[in-house]
Structures are given as C-alpha cells and as structure tokens.
Protein backbone atom coordinates (compact mmCIF):
# COMPACT_ATOMS: atom_id res chain seq x y z
CA UNK A 1 12.87 -22.36 -3.17
CA UNK A 2 12.70 -20.57 0.17
CA UNK A 3 14.98 -17.58 0.57
CA UNK A 4 16.29 -19.04 3.81
CA UNK A 5 17.39 -22.14 1.85
CA UNK A 6 18.75 -19.97 -0.92
CA UNK A 7 21.12 -18.31 1.52
CA UNK A 8 21.87 -21.58 3.32
CA UNK A 9 20.89 -20.32 6.75
CA UNK A 10 18.00 -22.60 7.76
CA UNK A 11 14.35 -21.77 8.12
CA UNK A 12 14.93 -18.18 9.25
CA UNK A 13 17.59 -15.56 9.01
CA UNK A 14 20.25 -15.70 11.66
CA UNK A 15 19.73 -13.64 14.79
CA UNK A 16 22.44 -11.27 13.64
CA UNK A 17 20.32 -10.37 10.64
CA UNK A 18 17.01 -10.08 12.45
CA UNK A 19 16.81 -6.35 12.91
CA UNK A 20 13.55 -6.64 14.82
CA UNK A 21 15.36 -8.56 17.53
CA UNK A 22 18.60 -6.61 17.63
CA UNK A 23 17.57 -3.18 16.30
CA UNK A 24 20.49 -3.48 13.85
CA UNK A 25 19.85 -2.48 10.26
CA UNK A 26 19.80 -5.59 8.06
CA UNK A 27 22.75 -5.70 5.71
CA UNK A 28 22.63 -7.65 2.47
CA UNK A 29 25.35 -8.06 -0.11
CA UNK A 30 24.69 -7.18 -3.74
CA UNK A 31 24.68 -10.91 -4.48
CA UNK A 32 21.99 -11.55 -1.84
CA UNK A 33 19.87 -8.69 -3.17
CA UNK A 34 20.18 -10.05 -6.71
CA UNK A 35 19.35 -13.61 -5.60
CA UNK A 36 16.31 -12.43 -3.67
CA UNK A 37 15.12 -10.35 -6.61
CA UNK A 38 15.64 -13.30 -8.97
CA UNK A 39 13.39 -15.43 -6.77
CA UNK A 40 10.76 -12.67 -6.68
CA UNK A 41 10.96 -12.36 -10.47
CA UNK A 42 10.56 -16.12 -10.87
CA UNK A 43 7.47 -16.24 -8.61
CA UNK A 44 6.08 -13.21 -10.40
CA UNK A 45 6.49 -14.84 -13.80
CA UNK A 46 5.03 -18.19 -12.67
CA UNK A 47 2.23 -17.05 -10.34
CA UNK A 48 1.62 -13.33 -10.09
CA UNK A 49 1.87 -11.80 -13.56
CA UNK A 50 -1.39 -13.44 -14.63
CA UNK A 51 -3.07 -11.88 -11.57
CA UNK A 52 -1.99 -8.41 -12.64
CA UNK A 53 0.83 -7.92 -10.11
CA UNK A 54 3.56 -5.54 -11.23
CA UNK A 55 7.24 -6.32 -10.68
CA UNK A 56 9.34 -3.21 -9.98
CA UNK A 57 12.68 -2.85 -11.70
CA UNK A 58 15.67 -3.74 -9.55
CA UNK A 59 17.83 -0.82 -10.67
CA UNK A 60 17.30 2.66 -12.03
CA UNK A 61 18.95 3.99 -15.17
CA UNK A 62 21.85 5.29 -13.05
CA UNK A 63 22.48 1.82 -11.60
CA UNK A 64 21.07 2.49 -8.11
CA UNK A 65 18.52 0.12 -6.62
CA UNK A 66 14.90 1.25 -6.78
CA UNK A 67 13.20 1.79 -3.45
CA UNK A 68 10.29 -0.46 -4.43
CA UNK A 69 12.60 -3.39 -5.24
CA UNK A 70 14.56 -2.87 -2.01
CA UNK A 71 11.30 -2.94 -0.05
CA UNK A 72 10.28 -6.25 -1.62
CA UNK A 73 13.74 -7.71 -1.06
CA UNK A 74 13.68 -6.71 2.62
CA UNK A 75 10.19 -8.06 3.24
CA UNK A 76 11.02 -11.33 1.46
CA UNK A 77 13.83 -12.29 3.83
CA UNK A 78 13.10 -15.71 5.36
CA UNK A 79 10.18 -16.38 3.00
CA UNK A 80 7.97 -18.44 3.25
CA UNK A 81 8.42 -17.72 6.97
CA UNK A 82 8.98 -14.00 6.53
CA UNK A 83 8.73 -11.96 9.71
CA UNK A 84 6.91 -8.63 10.12
CA UNK A 85 9.12 -5.61 9.38
CA UNK A 86 8.39 -2.24 10.91
CA UNK A 87 8.20 0.88 8.80
CA UNK A 88 11.22 2.21 10.71
CA UNK A 89 13.23 -0.90 9.84
CA UNK A 90 12.25 -0.59 6.18
CA UNK A 91 13.23 3.07 6.11
CA UNK A 92 16.58 2.38 7.80
CA UNK A 93 17.31 -0.42 5.33
CA UNK A 94 16.50 1.70 2.29
CA UNK A 95 18.52 4.62 3.64
CA UNK A 96 21.65 2.48 3.25
CA UNK A 97 21.13 2.91 -0.50
CA UNK A 98 19.10 6.15 -0.57
CA UNK A 99 20.32 8.28 2.36
CA UNK A 100 17.70 10.97 1.72
CA UNK A 101 14.77 8.55 1.87
CA UNK A 102 12.06 9.80 4.22
CA UNK A 103 8.80 8.22 5.41
CA UNK A 104 9.01 5.20 3.11
CA UNK A 105 5.57 4.30 1.68
CA UNK A 106 6.65 1.59 -0.76
CA UNK A 107 5.19 -1.34 1.21
CA UNK A 108 1.71 0.19 1.14
CA UNK A 109 1.99 1.07 -2.54
CA UNK A 110 3.31 -2.38 -3.48
CA UNK A 111 0.17 -3.93 -1.99
CA UNK A 112 -2.57 -1.51 -3.02
CA UNK A 113 -1.13 -0.32 -6.33
CA UNK A 114 0.96 -3.24 -7.58
CA UNK A 115 -0.80 -6.25 -6.09
CA UNK A 116 1.83 -7.83 -3.84
CA UNK A 117 0.32 -9.71 -0.89
CA UNK A 118 1.81 -7.47 1.81
CA UNK A 119 -0.35 -6.96 4.88
CA UNK A 120 -0.25 -4.06 7.31
CA UNK A 121 -0.82 -4.21 11.03
CA UNK A 122 -2.08 -0.64 10.89
CA UNK A 123 -4.69 -1.45 8.22
CA UNK A 124 -5.71 -4.59 10.11
CA UNK A 125 -5.63 -6.56 6.85
CA UNK A 126 -6.75 -10.15 6.56
CA UNK A 127 -3.77 -12.29 7.52
CA UNK A 128 -2.27 -9.54 9.69
CA UNK A 129 -3.24 -10.99 13.06
CA UNK A 130 0.43 -11.42 14.04
CA UNK A 131 1.57 -8.11 12.53
CA UNK A 132 1.87 -5.22 14.99
CA UNK A 133 0.69 -1.73 14.13
CA UNK A 134 3.29 0.11 12.08
CA UNK A 135 4.68 -3.10 10.54
CA UNK A 136 4.30 -4.99 7.27
CA UNK A 137 4.58 -8.66 6.32
CA UNK A 138 4.92 -10.46 2.99
CA UNK A 139 2.31 -13.22 3.16
CA UNK A 140 2.45 -14.93 -0.22
CA UNK A 141 4.34 -15.01 -3.50
CA UNK A 142 1.65 -17.16 -5.07
CA UNK A 143 -1.42 -14.99 -4.53
CA UNK A 144 -2.13 -11.33 -5.19
CA UNK A 145 -3.20 -8.91 -2.48
CA UNK A 146 -6.87 -9.64 -1.64
CA UNK A 147 -9.21 -7.33 -3.49
CA UNK A 148 -6.45 -6.06 -5.80
CA UNK A 149 -7.88 -4.69 -9.04
CA UNK A 150 -5.08 -4.25 -11.59
CA UNK A 151 -6.75 -1.75 -13.88
CA UNK A 152 -7.78 0.73 -11.22
CA UNK A 153 -4.20 2.04 -10.95
CA UNK A 154 -3.86 2.85 -14.62
CA UNK A 155 -2.72 6.44 -14.87
CA UNK A 156 -4.61 8.02 -17.74
CA UNK A 157 -3.96 11.60 -16.67
CA UNK A 158 -1.19 13.13 -18.74
CA UNK A 159 1.41 15.52 -17.35
CA UNK A 160 -0.21 18.56 -18.96
CA UNK A 161 -3.62 17.63 -17.56
CA UNK A 162 -2.07 17.04 -14.14
CA UNK A 163 -0.41 20.46 -14.17
CA UNK A 164 -3.68 22.12 -15.17
CA UNK A 165 -5.54 20.25 -12.45
CA UNK A 166 -3.06 21.36 -9.77
CA UNK A 167 -3.28 24.94 -11.01
CA UNK A 168 -7.09 24.84 -10.81
CA UNK A 169 -6.72 24.00 -7.11
CA UNK A 170 -4.19 26.76 -6.56
CA UNK A 171 -1.51 24.07 -6.12
CA UNK A 172 -3.17 23.06 -2.85
CA UNK A 173 -4.28 19.73 -1.44
CA UNK A 174 -8.01 19.31 -2.07
CA UNK A 175 -8.47 17.83 1.41
CA UNK A 176 -6.40 19.96 3.79
CA UNK A 177 -5.40 23.01 1.72
CA UNK A 178 -1.63 22.59 2.12
CA UNK A 179 0.26 24.25 -0.74
CA UNK A 180 2.75 22.42 -2.90
CA UNK A 181 6.33 23.24 -1.92
CA UNK A 182 5.36 24.85 1.40
CA UNK A 183 5.18 23.44 4.95
CA UNK A 184 2.19 21.19 5.47
CA UNK A 185 -0.60 22.93 7.39
CA UNK A 186 -1.09 19.96 9.70
CA UNK A 187 2.52 18.81 9.91
CA UNK A 188 4.63 21.99 9.53
CA UNK A 189 7.87 20.05 9.84
CA UNK A 190 7.24 18.41 6.44
CA UNK A 191 7.11 20.02 3.01
CA UNK A 192 3.98 19.54 0.94
CA UNK A 193 4.29 17.46 -2.24
CA UNK A 194 1.10 16.99 -4.20
CA UNK A 195 0.18 13.55 -5.50
CA UNK A 196 -2.56 12.23 -7.74
CA UNK A 197 -5.34 11.05 -5.45
CA UNK A 198 -8.28 8.90 -6.50
CA UNK A 199 -11.75 10.29 -6.01
CA UNK A 200 -12.99 6.69 -6.33
CA UNK A 201 -10.21 4.12 -5.72
CA UNK A 202 -12.11 1.50 -7.74
CA UNK A 203 -11.59 3.53 -10.92
CA UNK A 204 -8.42 4.43 -12.87
CA UNK A 205 -6.50 7.67 -12.38
CA UNK A 206 -8.32 9.37 -15.24
CA UNK A 207 -9.76 12.85 -15.82
CA UNK A 208 -12.76 13.30 -13.58
CA UNK A 209 -11.44 10.85 -10.99
CA UNK A 210 -8.36 12.69 -9.72
CA UNK A 211 -7.85 15.33 -7.04
CA UNK A 212 -4.51 16.70 -5.82
CA UNK A 213 -3.64 15.44 -2.36
CA UNK A 214 -0.63 16.00 -0.16
CA UNK A 215 1.29 12.88 0.86
CA UNK A 216 -0.25 12.91 4.34
CA UNK A 217 -3.85 13.02 3.10
CA UNK A 218 -3.18 10.51 0.34
CA UNK A 219 -1.66 8.08 2.83
CA UNK A 220 -4.43 8.58 5.37
CA UNK A 221 -7.09 7.81 2.76
CA UNK A 222 -5.62 4.30 2.27
CA UNK A 223 -8.22 3.53 -0.42
CA UNK A 224 -10.94 3.61 2.25
CA UNK A 225 -12.93 6.59 0.99
CA UNK A 226 -14.68 8.05 -2.03
CA UNK A 227 -14.14 11.82 -2.41
CA UNK A 228 -15.92 14.52 -4.33
CA UNK A 229 -14.06 17.17 -6.33
CA UNK A 230 -13.69 19.34 -3.21
CA UNK A 231 -11.90 16.64 -1.25
CA UNK A 232 -14.90 15.78 0.92
CA UNK A 233 -15.64 12.16 1.83
CA UNK A 234 -18.92 11.13 0.21
CA UNK A 235 -18.73 7.35 0.46
CA UNK A 236 -16.91 4.23 1.61
CA UNK A 237 -14.58 2.47 -0.84
CA UNK A 238 -13.50 -0.40 1.41
CA UNK A 239 -15.91 -2.44 3.59
CA UNK A 240 -13.11 -2.84 6.15
CA UNK A 241 -14.09 0.64 7.34
CA UNK A 242 -17.32 -0.80 8.74
CA UNK A 243 -15.40 -3.38 10.75
CA UNK A 244 -13.59 -0.57 12.55
CA UNK A 245 -16.82 1.09 13.64
CA UNK A 246 -18.34 0.62 17.12
CA UNK A 247 -20.47 -2.51 17.37
CA UNK A 248 -23.65 -0.50 17.84
CA UNK A 249 -23.05 1.34 14.57
CA UNK A 250 -22.20 -1.92 12.80
CA UNK A 251 -25.55 -3.33 13.92
CA UNK A 252 -27.35 -0.25 12.60
CA UNK A 253 -25.59 -0.60 9.25
CA UNK A 254 -26.44 -4.30 9.16
CA UNK A 255 -30.11 -3.66 9.86
CA UNK A 256 -30.34 -1.00 7.14
CA UNK A 257 -28.63 -3.25 4.59
CA UNK A 258 -30.70 -6.25 5.60
CA UNK A 259 -33.90 -4.30 4.92
CA UNK A 260 -32.58 -3.23 1.55
CA UNK A 261 -31.18 -6.53 0.30
CA UNK A 262 -33.18 -9.21 2.11
CA UNK A 263 -35.25 -11.34 -0.30
CA UNK A 264 -39.00 -10.78 -0.15
CA UNK A 265 -41.11 -13.21 1.93
CA UNK A 266 -42.15 -16.38 0.16
CA UNK A 267 -45.81 -15.31 0.25
CA UNK A 268 -44.96 -12.08 -1.55
CA UNK A 269 -46.05 -9.80 1.29
CA UNK A 270 -43.84 -6.87 2.25
CA UNK A 271 -42.03 -7.01 5.55
CA UNK A 272 -42.42 -4.42 8.28
C-alpha cells in the first residue's frame, strides 16, 4: 500500500504538506507517524530483513521518537512517489521532536550502515539523477541500498577498547587532530565529538580497523577511502571515486587496469 493511499490524499502529499514547495516544516500527527512506521516495518519484514537491512526502533525507552525512525518516516512520505528531501528539511522536521538536533546525519547512516535504499544528490548515487545536492530520496522499500554489506557495520570494539583507543590518540581525531570536547580545528563553531571510523569500510568495526574521527572527518569520508592507523588515505574503498575524477585521469586509470586485468592474447604472446 502506498503511503499516499494510506493517508487518503492521492498520489502525492497535498501542497500544504510539501515543505520543499512551501518551505513549511512538514507536520504529521502521531497516528500518521505510527501508520508510516507500520508500513515501513511491514516492508522490512517482507522484503528487506533477508537482505540485512536494519529497522530502527520507533521510540526510545523514554517514549520519544528516535531520530532514525523520524528520518525514515519523513523520507517515506508519498512513497512510492517519494520526493527528494533536503537535509535542512529533515533537520527542521526532526527538531519538532528533538529541539537540540543539529546537523542530522541519519539519512546517510540509514543507507550506508543500515541498508535502506536512500540516495544522496551529494554522493551522486545511482538513482539520484533527480536529487539535488544536499537532498535525499527514498528509492525503494523492496531493495537494499546498492552495495550494502550487512556485516561490515558490526561493532566488535567494546567500550573499554574504544576508550583505550581514544586515549592512545590523545583524544584527537586521527585525520585532522581536533580534540574531543573542544572546538573543531577546521570548524571552530562546532564542538568535536569523536566517532568510531573505519580504516577499511568493507570490514567490521573491530580492533585493528578503527580510528577515532571527528564527525566532520567521518562524514567527509563517506565510505570512499581506506585509511592507515595515522588517518592517512592509502586506498579507494568505493569505485564511485573514480567517476568523479577528470576524464583524463579516468582514462589513465582505465589503461593501467586494462594492462593488469586484460586476458593474454590467444597465441600466448605478451602484449606491449
């Protein structure tokens, strides 16, 4: 059942609810939020759970909505004809329930870490041709995010190990040096909060594959890069990086890879 049908308002939300058109924060009743979440839970159980997607809880122990669930609910409005939602619109919507919310990252995390097929105009994802930079769109509730690997987000680093790891870095971001609890060195208007960052995004968050990163560096990495223990980029984790390179560099990369992986000539002689 489409959410638009569920709410009895046709193929799309009414213009009064389309914040992208009116710049008005979308307002949903508790009943609408519950109905949307129930549909998401149904699609998850029937289609997505077997693909490793993770369904966030709707409410916390104190009864408040979780930010992840609110993000999914907002993006799902009008599904299967959901419209792109800007990061600003998402943040404004979530602030109705969490007034202190700042720089909401849930849409990115729901895709990369939990498998929901949410594309980003900034990442230039497949299926994001109509999504402007700084916006997200829920594409499918039948298929997982392309390239999603469920096990790579397993957190095998315990709290004690995490505390020891941060201490070994002087409680600083391995990439930029910003110190936990102090103004960020690159963005002084924000306070530094260290997060567990993958050295290799294809592997779980386990000892030997974790470096402390500030939120800004962790977000900027976007699962594109492989880092060493000093926070230096030593490899590419996502082939989409190549597509963003100048055409001349892409051709150079292609030629190098062609020489490496091209099958040998039929007569067995080596190529030039």
